[in-house]
């Protein structure tokens, strides 16, 4: 990719994972495919597998650490600190 497209890839950021077994961090959001399958009824009272659901979660520990680092939150009391912007 670097020779043809002049594009440098970071090995630590370009991680290939299985989204059914672990979360991927993409644009600040944790993304995973749930293990629970959605089942729908069809004609004749039989059930068919429709698919899995996509789960998107906020990485609260990363958000908390960034708020503490910038002084908007207290690590000791885990509460907000009022600031004028």
PDB file of N, CA and C in Angstrom:
ATOM      1  N   UNK A   1       0.823  -1.199   0.000  1.00  0.00           N
ATOM      2  CA  UNK A   1       0.000   0.000   0.000  1.00  0.00           C
ATOM      3  C   UNK A   1       0.862   1.256   0.000  1.00  0.00           C
ATOM      4  N   UNK A   2       1.995   1.201   0.651  1.00  0.00           N
ATOM      5  CA  UNK A   2       2.811   2.412   0.727  1.00  0.00           C
ATOM      6  C   UNK A   2       3.453   2.757  -0.609  1.00  0.00           C
ATOM      7  N   UNK A   3       3.815   1.751  -1.415  1.00  0.00           N
ATOM      8  CA  UNK A   3       4.472   2.060  -2.691  1.00  0.00           C
ATOM      9  C   UNK A   3       3.465   2.489  -3.767  1.00  0.00           C
ATOM     10  N   UNK A   4       2.324   1.841  -3.826  1.00  0.00           N
ATOM     11  CA  UNK A   4       1.333   2.155  -4.869  1.00  0.00           C
ATOM     12  C   UNK A   4       0.476   3.370  -4.530  1.00  0.00           C
ATOM     13  N   UNK A   5      -0.056   3.395  -3.300  1.00  0.00           N
ATOM     14  CA  UNK A   5      -1.007   4.448  -2.918  1.00  0.00           C
ATOM     15  C   UNK A   5      -0.400   5.551  -2.071  1.00  0.00           C
ATOM     16  N   UNK A   6       0.877   5.404  -1.723  1.00  0.00           N
ATOM     17  CA  UNK A   6       1.547   6.370  -0.831  1.00  0.00           C
ATOM     18  C   UNK A   6       0.790   6.490   0.487  1.00  0.00           C
ATOM     19  N   UNK A   7       0.395   5.330   1.017  1.00  0.00           N
ATOM     20  CA  UNK A   7      -0.417   5.268   2.230  1.00  0.00           C
ATOM     21  C   UNK A   7       0.338   4.452   3.269  1.00  0.00           C
ATOM     22  N   UNK A   8       0.614   5.059   4.425  1.00  0.00           N
ATOM     23  CA  UNK A   8       1.311   4.351   5.499  1.00  0.00           C
ATOM     24  C   UNK A   8       0.294   3.807   6.483  1.00  0.00           C
ATOM     25  N   UNK A   9       0.427   2.524   6.812  1.00  0.00           N
ATOM     26  CA  UNK A   9      -0.486   1.887   7.761  1.00  0.00           C
ATOM     27  C   UNK A   9       0.212   1.688   9.087  1.00  0.00           C
ATOM     28  N   UNK A  10      -0.520   1.916  10.168  1.00  0.00           N
ATOM     29  CA  UNK A  10      -0.020   1.671  11.507  1.00  0.00           C
ATOM     30  C   UNK A  10      -0.411   0.260  11.919  1.00  0.00           C
ATOM     31  N   UNK A  11       0.575  -0.560  12.302  1.00  0.00           N
ATOM     32  CA  UNK A  11       0.280  -1.947  12.681  1.00  0.00           C
ATOM     33  C   UNK A  11      -0.519  -2.030  13.973  1.00  0.00           C
ATOM     34  N   UNK A  12      -0.322  -1.078  14.882  1.00  0.00           N
ATOM     35  CA  UNK A  12      -1.071  -1.133  16.130  1.00  0.00           C
ATOM     36  C   UNK A  12      -2.510  -0.656  15.967  1.00  0.00           C
ATOM     37  N   UNK A  13      -2.784   0.169  14.963  1.00  0.00           N
ATOM     38  CA  UNK A  13      -4.147   0.621  14.719  1.00  0.00           C
ATOM     39  C   UNK A  13      -4.882  -0.258  13.724  1.00  0.00           C
ATOM     40  N   UNK A  14      -4.166  -0.970  12.881  1.00  0.00           N
ATOM     41  CA  UNK A  14      -4.768  -1.816  11.845  1.00  0.00           C
ATOM     42  C   UNK A  14      -4.773  -3.260  12.328  1.00  0.00           C
ATOM     43  N   UNK A  15      -5.691  -3.560  13.193  1.00  0.00           N
ATOM     44  CA  UNK A  15      -5.772  -4.881  13.800  1.00  0.00           C
ATOM     45  C   UNK A  15      -6.962  -5.629  13.214  1.00  0.00           C
ATOM     46  N   UNK A  16      -6.735  -6.840  12.756  1.00  0.00           N
ATOM     47  CA  UNK A  16      -7.812  -7.667  12.215  1.00  0.00           C
ATOM     48  C   UNK A  16      -8.328  -8.536  13.355  1.00  0.00           C
ATOM     49  N   UNK A  17      -9.634  -8.465  13.602  1.00  0.00           N
ATOM     50  CA  UNK A  17     -10.247  -9.216  14.701  1.00  0.00           C
ATOM     51  C   UNK A  17     -11.474  -9.956  14.202  1.00  0.00           C
ATOM     52  N   UNK A  18     -11.977 -10.841  15.043  1.00  0.00           N
ATOM     53  CA  UNK A  18     -13.244 -11.512  14.798  1.00  0.00           C
ATOM     54  C   UNK A  18     -14.312 -10.726  15.561  1.00  0.00           C
ATOM     55  N   UNK A  19     -15.221 -10.023  14.891  1.00  0.00           N
ATOM     56  CA  UNK A  19     -16.188  -9.180  15.600  1.00  0.00           C
ATOM     57  C   UNK A  19     -17.228  -9.960  16.399  1.00  0.00           C
ATOM     58  N   UNK A  20     -17.256 -11.261  16.260  1.00  0.00           N
ATOM     59  CA  UNK A  20     -18.179 -12.060  17.074  1.00  0.00           C
ATOM     60  C   UNK A  20     -17.580 -12.435  18.425  1.00  0.00           C
ATOM     61  N   UNK A  21     -16.253 -12.336  18.567  1.00  0.00           N
ATOM     62  CA  UNK A  21     -15.616 -12.746  19.820  1.00  0.00           C
ATOM     63  C   UNK A  21     -15.013 -11.595  20.604  1.00  0.00           C
ATOM     64  N   UNK A  22     -14.664 -10.491  19.949  1.00  0.00           N
ATOM     65  CA  UNK A  22     -14.084  -9.372  20.673  1.00  0.00           C
ATOM     66  C   UNK A  22     -14.516  -8.045  20.062  1.00  0.00           C
ATOM     67  N   UNK A  23     -14.390  -6.990  20.862  1.00  0.00           N
ATOM     68  CA  UNK A  23     -14.795  -5.658  20.423  1.00  0.00           C
ATOM     69  C   UNK A  23     -13.710  -5.032  19.561  1.00  0.00           C
ATOM     70  N   UNK A  24     -14.131  -4.218  18.613  1.00  0.00           N
ATOM     71  CA  UNK A  24     -13.222  -3.408  17.806  1.00  0.00           C
ATOM     72  C   UNK A  24     -13.480  -1.949  18.152  1.00  0.00           C
ATOM     73  N   UNK A  25     -12.419  -1.177  18.308  1.00  0.00           N
ATOM     74  CA  UNK A  25     -12.555   0.247  18.579  1.00  0.00           C
ATOM     75  C   UNK A  25     -12.484   0.974  17.251  1.00  0.00           C
ATOM     76  N   UNK A  26     -13.594   1.610  16.859  1.00  0.00           N
ATOM     77  CA  UNK A  26     -13.675   2.328  15.593  1.00  0.00           C
ATOM     78  C   UNK A  26     -14.297   3.689  15.830  1.00  0.00           C
ATOM     79  N   UNK A  27     -13.553   4.734  15.531  1.00  0.00           N
ATOM     80  CA  UNK A  27     -14.001   6.117  15.715  1.00  0.00           C
ATOM     81  C   UNK A  27     -14.535   6.362  17.127  1.00  0.00           C
ATOM     82  N   UNK A  28     -13.834   5.836  18.127  1.00  0.00           N
ATOM     83  CA  UNK A  28     -14.198   6.054  19.523  1.00  0.00           C
ATOM     84  C   UNK A  28     -15.369   5.241  20.007  1.00  0.00           C
ATOM     85  N   UNK A  29     -15.801   4.251  19.253  1.00  0.00           N
ATOM     86  CA  UNK A  29     -16.937   3.415  19.622  1.00  0.00           C
ATOM     87  C   UNK A  29     -16.522   1.954  19.598  1.00  0.00           C
ATOM     88  N   UNK A  30     -16.925   1.199  20.619  1.00  0.00           N
ATOM     89  CA  UNK A  30     -16.661  -0.235  20.640  1.00  0.00           C
ATOM     90  C   UNK A  30     -17.754  -0.935  19.846  1.00  0.00           C
ATOM     91  N   UNK A  31     -17.354  -1.754  18.884  1.00  0.00           N
ATOM     92  CA  UNK A  31     -18.313  -2.418  17.995  1.00  0.00           C
ATOM     93  C   UNK A  31     -18.099  -3.923  18.066  1.00  0.00           C
ATOM     94  N   UNK A  32     -19.191  -4.671  18.166  1.00  0.00           N
ATOM     95  CA  UNK A  32     -19.147  -6.129  18.221  1.00  0.00           C
ATOM     96  C   UNK A  32     -20.459  -6.677  17.674  1.00  0.00           C
ATOM     97  N   UNK A  33     -20.419  -7.862  17.123  1.00  0.00           N
ATOM     98  CA  UNK A  33     -21.634  -8.556  16.692  1.00  0.00           C
ATOM     99  C   UNK A  33     -22.077  -9.446  17.846  1.00  0.00           C
ATOM    100  N   UNK A  34     -23.320  -9.327  18.264  1.00  0.00           N
ATOM    101  CA  UNK A  34     -23.806 -10.077  19.424  1.00  0.00           C
ATOM    102  C   UNK A  34     -23.905 -11.560  19.111  1.00  0.00           C
ATOM    103  N   UNK A  35     -23.823 -12.358  20.161  1.00  0.00           N
ATOM    104  CA  UNK A  35     -23.963 -13.802  20.022  1.00  0.00           C
ATOM    105  C   UNK A  35     -25.423 -14.229  19.964  1.00  0.00           C
ATOM    106  N   UNK A  36     -26.328 -13.345  20.347  1.00  0.00           N
ATOM    107  CA  UNK A  36     -27.753 -13.648  20.307  1.00  0.00           C
ATOM    108  C   UNK A  36     -28.255 -13.465  18.878  1.00  0.00           C
ATOM    109  N   UNK A  37     -28.952 -14.440  18.372  1.00  0.00           N
ATOM    110  CA  UNK A  37     -29.464 -14.374  17.011  1.00  0.00           C
ATOM    111  C   UNK A  37     -30.920 -13.934  17.025  1.00  0.00           C
ATOM    112  N   UNK A  38     -31.298 -13.178  16.023  1.00  0.00           N
ATOM    113  CA  UNK A  38     -32.677 -12.732  15.866  1.00  0.00           C
ATOM    114  C   UNK A  38     -33.416 -13.806  15.080  1.00  0.00           C
ATOM    115  N   UNK A  39     -34.522 -14.278  15.636  1.00  0.00           N
ATOM    116  CA  UNK A  39     -35.294 -15.336  14.997  1.00  0.00           C
ATOM    117  C   UNK A  39     -36.641 -14.781  14.598  1.00  0.00           C
ATOM    118  N   UNK A  40     -37.057 -15.076  13.391  1.00  0.00           N
ATOM    119  CA  UNK A  40     -38.345 -14.600  12.908  1.00  0.00           C
ATOM    120  C   UNK A  40     -39.241 -15.762  12.528  1.00  0.00           C
ATOM    121  N   UNK A  41     -40.526 -15.555  12.646  1.00  0.00           N
ATOM    122  CA  UNK A  41     -41.493 -16.590  12.286  1.00  0.00           C
ATOM    123  C   UNK A  41     -41.789 -16.515  10.791  1.00  0.00           C
ATOM    124  N   UNK A  42     -41.950 -17.673  10.194  1.00  0.00           N
ATOM    125  CA  UNK A  42     -42.303 -17.738   8.779  1.00  0.00           C
ATOM    126  C   UNK A  42     -43.615 -18.487   8.641  1.00  0.00           C
ATOM    127  N   UNK A  43     -44.030 -18.742   7.429  1.00  0.00           N
ATOM    128  CA  UNK A  43     -45.278 -19.478   7.196  1.00  0.00           C
ATOM    129  C   UNK A  43     -45.146 -20.895   7.727  1.00  0.00           C
ATOM    130  N   UNK A  44     -46.196 -21.403   8.304  1.00  0.00           N
ATOM    131  CA  UNK A  44     -46.209 -22.760   8.832  1.00  0.00           C
ATOM    132  C   UNK A  44     -45.618 -22.869  10.223  1.00  0.00           C
ATOM    133  N   UNK A  45     -45.536 -21.764  10.954  1.00  0.00           N
ATOM    134  CA  UNK A  45     -45.005 -21.719  12.316  1.00  0.00           C
ATOM    135  C   UNK A  45     -43.587 -22.249  12.445  1.00  0.00           C
ATOM    136  N   UNK A  46     -42.794 -22.159  11.424  1.00  0.00           N
ATOM    137  CA  UNK A  46     -41.382 -22.516  11.536  1.00  0.00           C
ATOM    138  C   UNK A  46     -40.592 -21.229  11.776  1.00  0.00           C
ATOM    139  N   UNK A  47     -39.439 -21.353  12.342  1.00  0.00           N
ATOM    140  CA  UNK A  47     -38.610 -20.191  12.652  1.00  0.00           C
ATOM    141  C   UNK A  47     -37.391 -20.191  11.743  1.00  0.00           C
ATOM    142  N   UNK A  48     -37.003 -19.021  11.354  1.00  0.00           N
ATOM    143  CA  UNK A  48     -35.808 -18.899  10.540  1.00  0.00           C
ATOM    144  C   UNK A  48     -34.868 -17.893  11.181  1.00  0.00           C
ATOM    145  N   UNK A  49     -33.579 -18.102  10.976  1.00  0.00           N
ATOM    146  CA  UNK A  49     -32.565 -17.214  11.520  1.00  0.00           C
ATOM    147  C   UNK A  49     -32.446 -15.999  10.610  1.00  0.00           C
ATOM    148  N   UNK A  50     -32.722 -14.824  11.170  1.00  0.00           N
ATOM    149  CA  UNK A  50     -32.661 -13.596  10.388  1.00  0.00           C
ATOM    150  C   UNK A  50     -31.250 -13.013  10.427  1.00  0.00           C
ATOM    151  N   UNK A  51     -30.615 -13.017  11.571  1.00  0.00           N
ATOM    152  CA  UNK A  51     -29.259 -12.488  11.667  1.00  0.00           C
ATOM    153  C   UNK A  51     -28.912 -12.086  13.079  1.00  0.00           C
ATOM    154  N   UNK A  52     -27.717 -11.596  13.258  1.00  0.00           N
ATOM    155  CA  UNK A  52     -27.239 -11.141  14.552  1.00  0.00           C
ATOM    156  C   UNK A  52     -27.358  -9.625  14.630  1.00  0.00           C
ATOM    157  N   UNK A  53     -27.295  -9.116  15.850  1.00  0.00           N
ATOM    158  CA  UNK A  53     -27.401  -7.676  16.047  1.00  0.00           C
ATOM    159  C   UNK A  53     -26.020  -7.074  16.245  1.00  0.00           C
ATOM    160  N   UNK A  54     -25.856  -5.873  15.759  1.00  0.00           N
ATOM    161  CA  UNK A  54     -24.625  -5.128  15.930  1.00  0.00           C
ATOM    162  C   UNK A  54     -24.711  -4.348  17.238  1.00  0.00           C
ATOM    163  N   UNK A  55     -23.703  -4.496  18.091  1.00  0.00           N
ATOM    164  CA  UNK A  55     -23.664  -3.774  19.362  1.00  0.00           C
ATOM    165  C   UNK A  55     -22.645  -2.653  19.258  1.00  0.00           C
ATOM    166  N   UNK A  56     -23.035  -1.461  19.657  1.00  0.00           N
ATOM    167  CA  UNK A  56     -22.138  -0.307  19.669  1.00  0.00           C
ATOM    168  C   UNK A  56     -22.169   0.281  21.078  1.00  0.00           C
ATOM    169  N   UNK A  57     -21.003   0.306  21.722  1.00  0.00           N
ATOM    170  CA  UNK A  57     -20.908   0.770  23.100  1.00  0.00           C
ATOM    171  C   UNK A  57     -19.906   1.905  23.214  1.00  0.00           C
ATOM    172  N   UNK A  58     -20.115   2.767  24.189  1.00  0.00           N
ATOM    173  CA  UNK A  58     -19.156   3.838  24.473  1.00  0.00           C
ATOM    174  C   UNK A  58     -18.081   3.271  25.398  1.00  0.00           C
ATOM    175  N   UNK A  59     -16.796   3.495  25.091  1.00  0.00           N
ATOM    176  CA  UNK A  59     -15.719   3.018  25.970  1.00  0.00           C
ATOM    177  C   UNK A  59     -15.592   3.941  27.185  1.00  0.00           C
ATOM    178  N   UNK A  60     -16.363   3.673  28.227  1.00  0.00           N
ATOM    179  CA  UNK A  60     -16.464   4.578  29.364  1.00  0.00           C
ATOM    180  C   UNK A  60     -15.135   4.782  30.071  1.00  0.00           C
ATOM    181  N   UNK A  61     -14.288   3.762  30.152  1.00  0.00           N
ATOM    182  CA  UNK A  61     -13.005   3.932  30.824  1.00  0.00           C
ATOM    183  C   UNK A  61     -12.109   4.908  30.059  1.00  0.00           C
ATOM    184  N   UNK A  62     -12.112   4.858  28.732  1.00  0.00           N
ATOM    185  CA  UNK A  62     -11.322   5.799  27.928  1.00  0.00           C
ATOM    186  C   UNK A  62     -11.868   7.217  28.068  1.00  0.00           C
ATOM    187  N   UNK A  63     -13.188   7.360  28.073  1.00  0.00           N
ATOM    188  CA  UNK A  63     -13.803   8.678  28.221  1.00  0.00           C
ATOM    189  C   UNK A  63     -13.471   9.250  29.598  1.00  0.00           C
ATOM    190  N   UNK A  64     -13.580   8.425  30.641  1.00  0.00           N
ATOM    191  CA  UNK A  64     -13.266   8.853  32.009  1.00  0.00           C
ATOM    192  C   UNK A  64     -11.811   9.300  32.111  1.00  0.00           C
ATOM    193  N   UNK A  65     -10.874   8.517  31.559  1.00  0.00           N
ATOM    194  CA  UNK A  65      -9.455   8.857  31.640  1.00  0.00           C
ATOM    195  C   UNK A  65      -9.145  10.160  30.897  1.00  0.00           C
ATOM    196  N   UNK A  66      -9.798  10.400  29.768  1.00  0.00           N
ATOM    197  CA  UNK A  66      -9.574  11.652  29.033  1.00  0.00           C
ATOM    198  C   UNK A  66     -10.134  12.847  29.805  1.00  0.00           C
ATOM    199  N   UNK A  67     -11.293  12.678  30.440  1.00  0.00           N
ATOM    200  CA  UNK A  67     -11.868  13.766  31.231  1.00  0.00           C
ATOM    201  C   UNK A  67     -11.011  14.078  32.452  1.00  0.00           C
ATOM    202  N   UNK A  68     -10.422  13.061  33.070  1.00  0.00           N
ATOM    203  CA  UNK A  68      -9.526  13.275  34.205  1.00  0.00           C
ATOM    204  C   UNK A  68      -8.251  13.971  33.743  1.00  0.00           C
ATOM    205  N   UNK A  69      -7.693  13.528  32.604  1.00  0.00           N
ATOM    206  CA  UNK A  69      -6.451  14.103  32.092  1.00  0.00           C
ATOM    207  C   UNK A  69      -6.601  15.577  31.716  1.00  0.00           C
ATOM    208  N   UNK A  70      -7.785  15.970  31.241  1.00  0.00           N
ATOM    209  CA  UNK A  70      -7.997  17.364  30.854  1.00  0.00           C
ATOM    210  C   UNK A  70      -8.523  18.226  31.996  1.00  0.00           C
ATOM    211  N   UNK A  71      -8.774  17.615  33.169  1.00  0.00           N
ATOM    212  CA  UNK A  71      -9.200  18.383  34.333  1.00  0.00           C
ATOM    213  C   UNK A  71     -10.682  18.625  34.435  1.00  0.00           C
ATOM    214  N   UNK A  72     -11.482  17.946  33.637  1.00  0.00           N
ATOM    215  CA  UNK A  72     -12.933  18.122  33.695  1.00  0.00           C
ATOM    216  C   UNK A  72     -13.595  17.172  34.684  1.00  0.00           C
ATOM    217  N   UNK A  73     -12.831  16.197  35.204  1.00  0.00           N
ATOM    218  CA  UNK A  73     -13.408  15.228  36.121  1.00  0.00           C
ATOM    219  C   UNK A  73     -12.372  14.882  37.189  1.00  0.00           C
ATOM    220  N   UNK A  74     -12.842  14.594  38.392  1.00  0.00           N
ATOM    221  CA  UNK A  74     -11.965  14.223  39.493  1.00  0.00           C
ATOM    222  C   UNK A  74     -11.811  12.711  39.532  1.00  0.00           C
ATOM    223  N   UNK A  75     -10.562  12.224  39.495  1.00  0.00           N
ATOM    224  CA  UNK A  75     -10.316  10.781  39.568  1.00  0.00           C
ATOM    225  C   UNK A  75     -10.608  10.253  40.958  1.00  0.00           C
ATOM    226  N   UNK A  76     -10.382  11.087  41.964  1.00  0.00           N
ATOM    227  CA  UNK A  76     -10.586  10.648  43.341  1.00  0.00           C
ATOM    228  C   UNK A  76     -12.067  10.501  43.675  1.00  0.00           C
ATOM    229  N   UNK A  77     -12.868  11.496  43.302  1.00  0.00           N
ATOM    230  CA  UNK A  77     -14.279  11.496  43.666  1.00  0.00           C
ATOM    231  C   UNK A  77     -15.193  11.027  42.535  1.00  0.00           C
ATOM    232  N   UNK A  78     -14.629  10.830  41.358  1.00  0.00           N
ATOM    233  CA  UNK A  78     -15.389  10.395  40.175  1.00  0.00           C
ATOM    234  C   UNK A  78     -16.606  11.283  39.937  1.00  0.00           C
ATOM    235  N   UNK A  79     -16.363  12.574  40.006  1.00  0.00           N
ATOM    236  CA  UNK A  79     -17.434  13.530  39.760  1.00  0.00           C
ATOM    237  C   UNK A  79     -16.904  14.641  38.874  1.00  0.00           C
ATOM    238  N   UNK A  80     -17.813  15.375  38.290  1.00  0.00           N
ATOM    239  CA  UNK A  80     -17.439  16.460  37.396  1.00  0.00           C
ATOM    240  C   UNK A  80     -16.912  17.671  38.161  1.00  0.00           C
ATOM    241  N   UNK A  81     -16.069  18.438  37.495  1.00  0.00           N
ATOM    242  CA  UNK A  81     -15.545  19.677  38.048  1.00  0.00           C
ATOM    243  C   UNK A  81     -16.058  20.808  37.175  1.00  0.00           C
ATOM    244  N   UNK A  82     -16.793  21.767  37.748  1.00  0.00           N
ATOM    245  CA  UNK A  82     -17.333  22.848  36.933  1.00  0.00           C
ATOM    246  C   UNK A  82     -16.233  23.680  36.283  1.00  0.00           C
ATOM    247  N   UNK A  83     -16.355  23.964  35.024  1.00  0.00           N
ATOM    248  CA  UNK A  83     -15.394  24.783  34.287  1.00  0.00           C
ATOM    249  C   UNK A  83     -16.155  25.753  33.390  1.00  0.00           C
ATOM    250  N   UNK A  84     -15.649  26.958  33.268  1.00  0.00           N
ATOM    251  CA  UNK A  84     -16.202  27.919  32.341  1.00  0.00           C
ATOM    252  C   UNK A  84     -15.437  27.790  31.027  1.00  0.00           C
ATOM    253  N   UNK A  85     -16.163  27.664  29.946  1.00  0.00           N
ATOM    254  CA  UNK A  85     -15.517  27.534  28.640  1.00  0.00           C
ATOM    255  C   UNK A  85     -15.503  28.835  27.914  1.00  0.00           C
TER     256      UNK A  85
END
